[in-house]
């Protein structure tokens, strides 16, 4: 499966910046990507963050490993936590 990777940066209340990637099946609408990002942030108790092209940008397309493919098939997206998550 080919996945689109969206590089995402969100400011946190402690003046750090959360950095994570949102991985979705290639062809997923950007609006859906933002919904998935907001769902992930809600899981992390970060609410009321708007996601736009300022915070969340398409980066590249890659072939996903099996674990990521299974996660995308089950919930629509996968998150790669990079910094301050």
N, C-alpha and C. Protein backbone atom coordinates (compact mmCIF):
# COMPACT_ATOMS: atom_id res chain seq x y z
N UNK A 1 0.84 -1.18 0.00
CA UNK A 1 0.00 0.00 0.00
C UNK A 1 0.88 1.24 0.00
N UNK A 2 0.53 2.18 -0.87
CA UNK A 2 1.21 3.48 -0.89
C UNK A 2 0.48 4.41 0.07
N UNK A 3 1.24 5.11 0.89
CA UNK A 3 0.65 6.04 1.85
C UNK A 3 1.21 7.44 1.64
N UNK A 4 0.35 8.41 1.91
CA UNK A 4 0.77 9.82 1.91
C UNK A 4 1.18 10.16 3.34
N UNK A 5 2.28 10.88 3.45
CA UNK A 5 2.80 11.28 4.76
C UNK A 5 2.63 12.79 4.90
N UNK A 6 1.99 13.18 6.00
CA UNK A 6 1.77 14.60 6.30
C UNK A 6 2.58 14.96 7.54
N UNK A 7 3.53 15.85 7.37
CA UNK A 7 4.40 16.32 8.44
C UNK A 7 3.63 17.37 9.24
N UNK A 8 3.49 17.14 10.55
CA UNK A 8 2.60 17.97 11.36
C UNK A 8 3.31 18.52 12.59
N UNK A 9 3.14 19.82 12.83
CA UNK A 9 3.72 20.51 13.98
C UNK A 9 2.61 21.27 14.70
N UNK A 10 2.47 21.01 16.01
CA UNK A 10 1.41 21.65 16.79
C UNK A 10 2.03 22.22 18.07
N UNK A 11 1.78 23.51 18.37
CA UNK A 11 2.30 24.08 19.61
C UNK A 11 1.55 23.51 20.82
N UNK A 12 2.29 23.30 21.90
CA UNK A 12 1.71 22.81 23.14
C UNK A 12 1.72 23.93 24.18
N UNK A 13 0.92 23.74 25.22
CA UNK A 13 0.82 24.76 26.27
C UNK A 13 2.12 25.00 27.01
N UNK A 14 3.02 24.02 27.03
CA UNK A 14 4.29 24.18 27.75
C UNK A 14 5.38 24.82 26.88
N UNK A 15 4.96 25.48 25.81
CA UNK A 15 5.86 26.18 24.88
C UNK A 15 6.78 25.25 24.10
N UNK A 16 6.44 23.99 24.02
CA UNK A 16 7.16 23.08 23.13
C UNK A 16 6.30 22.85 21.90
N UNK A 17 6.87 22.18 20.93
CA UNK A 17 6.14 21.89 19.71
C UNK A 17 6.06 20.39 19.51
N UNK A 18 4.86 19.90 19.33
CA UNK A 18 4.65 18.48 19.07
C UNK A 18 4.87 18.25 17.57
N UNK A 19 5.64 17.23 17.24
CA UNK A 19 5.94 16.91 15.85
C UNK A 19 5.58 15.45 15.61
N UNK A 20 4.69 15.23 14.66
CA UNK A 20 4.29 13.86 14.31
C UNK A 20 3.91 13.80 12.84
N UNK A 21 3.91 12.60 12.30
CA UNK A 21 3.48 12.38 10.93
C UNK A 21 2.14 11.67 10.94
N UNK A 22 1.26 12.09 10.04
CA UNK A 22 -0.01 11.41 9.83
C UNK A 22 0.14 10.64 8.52
N UNK A 23 -0.05 9.33 8.58
CA UNK A 23 0.04 8.48 7.40
C UNK A 23 -1.36 8.01 7.02
N UNK A 24 -1.71 8.20 5.75
CA UNK A 24 -3.03 7.80 5.24
C UNK A 24 -2.83 7.14 3.88
N UNK A 25 -3.84 6.38 3.48
CA UNK A 25 -3.78 5.77 2.16
C UNK A 25 -3.71 6.86 1.10
N UNK A 26 -2.86 6.65 0.11
CA UNK A 26 -2.72 7.61 -0.98
C UNK A 26 -4.10 7.93 -1.56
N UNK A 27 -4.37 9.21 -1.78
CA UNK A 27 -5.64 9.63 -2.34
C UNK A 27 -6.64 10.11 -1.31
N UNK A 28 -6.32 9.98 -0.02
CA UNK A 28 -7.20 10.46 1.04
C UNK A 28 -7.26 11.98 0.98
N UNK A 29 -8.44 12.54 1.15
CA UNK A 29 -8.59 14.00 1.09
C UNK A 29 -7.86 14.67 2.25
N UNK A 30 -7.41 15.88 2.02
CA UNK A 30 -6.70 16.62 3.06
C UNK A 30 -7.64 16.93 4.23
N UNK A 31 -8.91 17.12 3.95
CA UNK A 31 -9.87 17.36 5.03
C UNK A 31 -9.93 16.16 5.96
N UNK A 32 -9.90 14.96 5.40
CA UNK A 32 -9.92 13.74 6.20
C UNK A 32 -8.62 13.63 7.01
N UNK A 33 -7.50 14.01 6.42
CA UNK A 33 -6.22 14.01 7.14
C UNK A 33 -6.32 14.90 8.37
N UNK A 34 -6.89 16.09 8.21
CA UNK A 34 -7.05 17.01 9.35
C UNK A 34 -7.95 16.39 10.42
N UNK A 35 -9.01 15.71 10.01
CA UNK A 35 -9.90 15.05 10.98
C UNK A 35 -9.13 13.99 11.77
N UNK A 36 -8.31 13.21 11.07
CA UNK A 36 -7.51 12.18 11.75
C UNK A 36 -6.51 12.83 12.72
N UNK A 37 -5.89 13.92 12.30
CA UNK A 37 -4.95 14.62 13.16
C UNK A 37 -5.63 15.15 14.41
N UNK A 38 -6.83 15.70 14.26
CA UNK A 38 -7.56 16.22 15.41
C UNK A 38 -7.98 15.09 16.35
N UNK A 39 -8.33 13.93 15.78
CA UNK A 39 -8.69 12.77 16.61
C UNK A 39 -7.48 12.32 17.43
N UNK A 40 -6.31 12.30 16.81
CA UNK A 40 -5.09 11.92 17.51
C UNK A 40 -4.80 12.94 18.63
N UNK A 41 -4.92 14.22 18.33
CA UNK A 41 -4.66 15.25 19.34
C UNK A 41 -5.64 15.13 20.50
N UNK A 42 -6.87 14.81 20.21
CA UNK A 42 -7.86 14.62 21.27
C UNK A 42 -7.45 13.47 22.19
N UNK A 43 -6.91 12.38 21.61
CA UNK A 43 -6.42 11.26 22.41
C UNK A 43 -5.30 11.72 23.35
N UNK A 44 -4.55 12.72 22.94
CA UNK A 44 -3.44 13.25 23.72
C UNK A 44 -3.89 14.40 24.63
N UNK A 45 -5.19 14.61 24.74
CA UNK A 45 -5.78 15.68 25.56
C UNK A 45 -5.37 17.07 25.09
N UNK A 46 -5.22 17.23 23.80
CA UNK A 46 -4.95 18.54 23.21
C UNK A 46 -6.15 18.87 22.34
N UNK A 47 -6.98 19.76 22.83
CA UNK A 47 -8.21 20.10 22.12
C UNK A 47 -8.12 21.49 21.53
N UNK A 48 -9.08 21.81 20.71
CA UNK A 48 -9.22 23.15 20.13
C UNK A 48 -8.00 23.59 19.33
N UNK A 49 -7.35 22.66 18.67
CA UNK A 49 -6.25 23.01 17.77
C UNK A 49 -6.76 22.88 16.35
N UNK A 50 -6.63 23.94 15.60
CA UNK A 50 -7.02 23.88 14.20
C UNK A 50 -5.84 23.35 13.39
N UNK A 51 -6.13 22.47 12.48
CA UNK A 51 -5.08 21.98 11.58
C UNK A 51 -5.34 22.57 10.20
N UNK A 52 -4.29 23.09 9.60
CA UNK A 52 -4.36 23.66 8.26
C UNK A 52 -3.02 23.39 7.59
N UNK A 53 -2.83 23.94 6.41
CA UNK A 53 -1.55 23.75 5.72
C UNK A 53 -0.40 24.40 6.49
N UNK A 54 -0.71 25.28 7.43
CA UNK A 54 0.35 25.88 8.26
C UNK A 54 0.95 24.84 9.21
N UNK A 55 0.11 24.00 9.81
CA UNK A 55 0.57 23.01 10.79
C UNK A 55 0.82 21.63 10.17
N UNK A 56 0.11 21.32 9.11
CA UNK A 56 0.09 19.96 8.58
C UNK A 56 0.28 20.00 7.06
N UNK A 57 1.46 19.56 6.60
CA UNK A 57 1.78 19.67 5.18
C UNK A 57 2.11 18.31 4.59
N UNK A 58 1.62 18.11 3.37
CA UNK A 58 1.98 16.90 2.64
C UNK A 58 3.49 16.88 2.47
N UNK A 59 4.11 15.72 2.74
CA UNK A 59 5.55 15.59 2.65
C UNK A 59 5.96 14.69 1.49
N UNK A 60 5.47 13.44 1.48
CA UNK A 60 5.85 12.51 0.42
C UNK A 60 4.94 11.28 0.44
N UNK A 61 5.15 10.42 -0.54
CA UNK A 61 4.44 9.14 -0.62
C UNK A 61 5.47 8.04 -0.47
N UNK A 62 5.11 7.01 0.31
CA UNK A 62 6.02 5.88 0.51
C UNK A 62 5.21 4.59 0.60
N UNK A 63 5.89 3.48 0.51
CA UNK A 63 5.26 2.18 0.70
C UNK A 63 5.26 1.88 2.19
N UNK A 64 4.08 1.56 2.72
CA UNK A 64 3.94 1.36 4.16
C UNK A 64 4.29 -0.07 4.55
N UNK A 65 4.95 -0.23 5.72
CA UNK A 65 5.17 -1.58 6.25
C UNK A 65 3.83 -2.21 6.64
N UNK A 66 3.82 -3.51 6.79
CA UNK A 66 2.58 -4.24 7.06
C UNK A 66 1.84 -3.73 8.29
N UNK A 67 2.56 -3.45 9.37
CA UNK A 67 1.93 -2.97 10.61
C UNK A 67 1.16 -1.67 10.36
N UNK A 68 1.74 -0.76 9.61
CA UNK A 68 1.09 0.52 9.30
C UNK A 68 -0.11 0.28 8.40
N UNK A 69 0.02 -0.61 7.43
CA UNK A 69 -1.10 -0.92 6.55
C UNK A 69 -2.29 -1.45 7.33
N UNK A 70 -2.04 -2.34 8.28
CA UNK A 70 -3.12 -2.90 9.10
C UNK A 70 -3.80 -1.82 9.92
N UNK A 71 -3.02 -0.91 10.48
CA UNK A 71 -3.59 0.17 11.28
C UNK A 71 -4.44 1.10 10.40
N UNK A 72 -3.96 1.41 9.21
CA UNK A 72 -4.71 2.27 8.30
C UNK A 72 -6.00 1.58 7.86
N UNK A 73 -5.92 0.29 7.60
CA UNK A 73 -7.13 -0.44 7.20
C UNK A 73 -8.15 -0.48 8.33
N UNK A 74 -7.69 -0.53 9.58
CA UNK A 74 -8.64 -0.64 10.69
C UNK A 74 -9.21 0.70 11.14
N UNK A 75 -8.40 1.78 11.13
CA UNK A 75 -8.93 3.06 11.62
C UNK A 75 -8.76 4.24 10.67
N UNK A 76 -8.17 3.99 9.49
CA UNK A 76 -8.07 5.04 8.48
C UNK A 76 -6.76 5.80 8.45
N UNK A 77 -5.98 5.70 9.53
CA UNK A 77 -4.73 6.45 9.58
C UNK A 77 -3.76 5.79 10.55
N UNK A 78 -2.51 6.25 10.49
CA UNK A 78 -1.48 5.82 11.43
C UNK A 78 -0.68 7.06 11.80
N UNK A 79 -0.19 7.10 13.02
CA UNK A 79 0.60 8.24 13.49
C UNK A 79 2.01 7.75 13.80
N UNK A 80 3.00 8.55 13.36
CA UNK A 80 4.38 8.32 13.74
C UNK A 80 4.76 9.49 14.65
N UNK A 81 4.97 9.19 15.94
CA UNK A 81 5.33 10.24 16.89
C UNK A 81 6.82 10.53 16.77
N UNK A 82 7.17 11.81 16.60
CA UNK A 82 8.55 12.18 16.38
C UNK A 82 9.15 12.99 17.53
N UNK A 83 8.46 14.06 17.98
CA UNK A 83 9.00 14.89 19.06
C UNK A 83 7.88 15.39 19.96
N UNK A 84 8.12 15.38 21.26
CA UNK A 84 7.23 15.98 22.26
C UNK A 84 5.78 15.50 22.18
N UNK A 85 5.61 14.23 21.90
CA UNK A 85 4.25 13.69 21.78
C UNK A 85 3.81 13.11 23.08
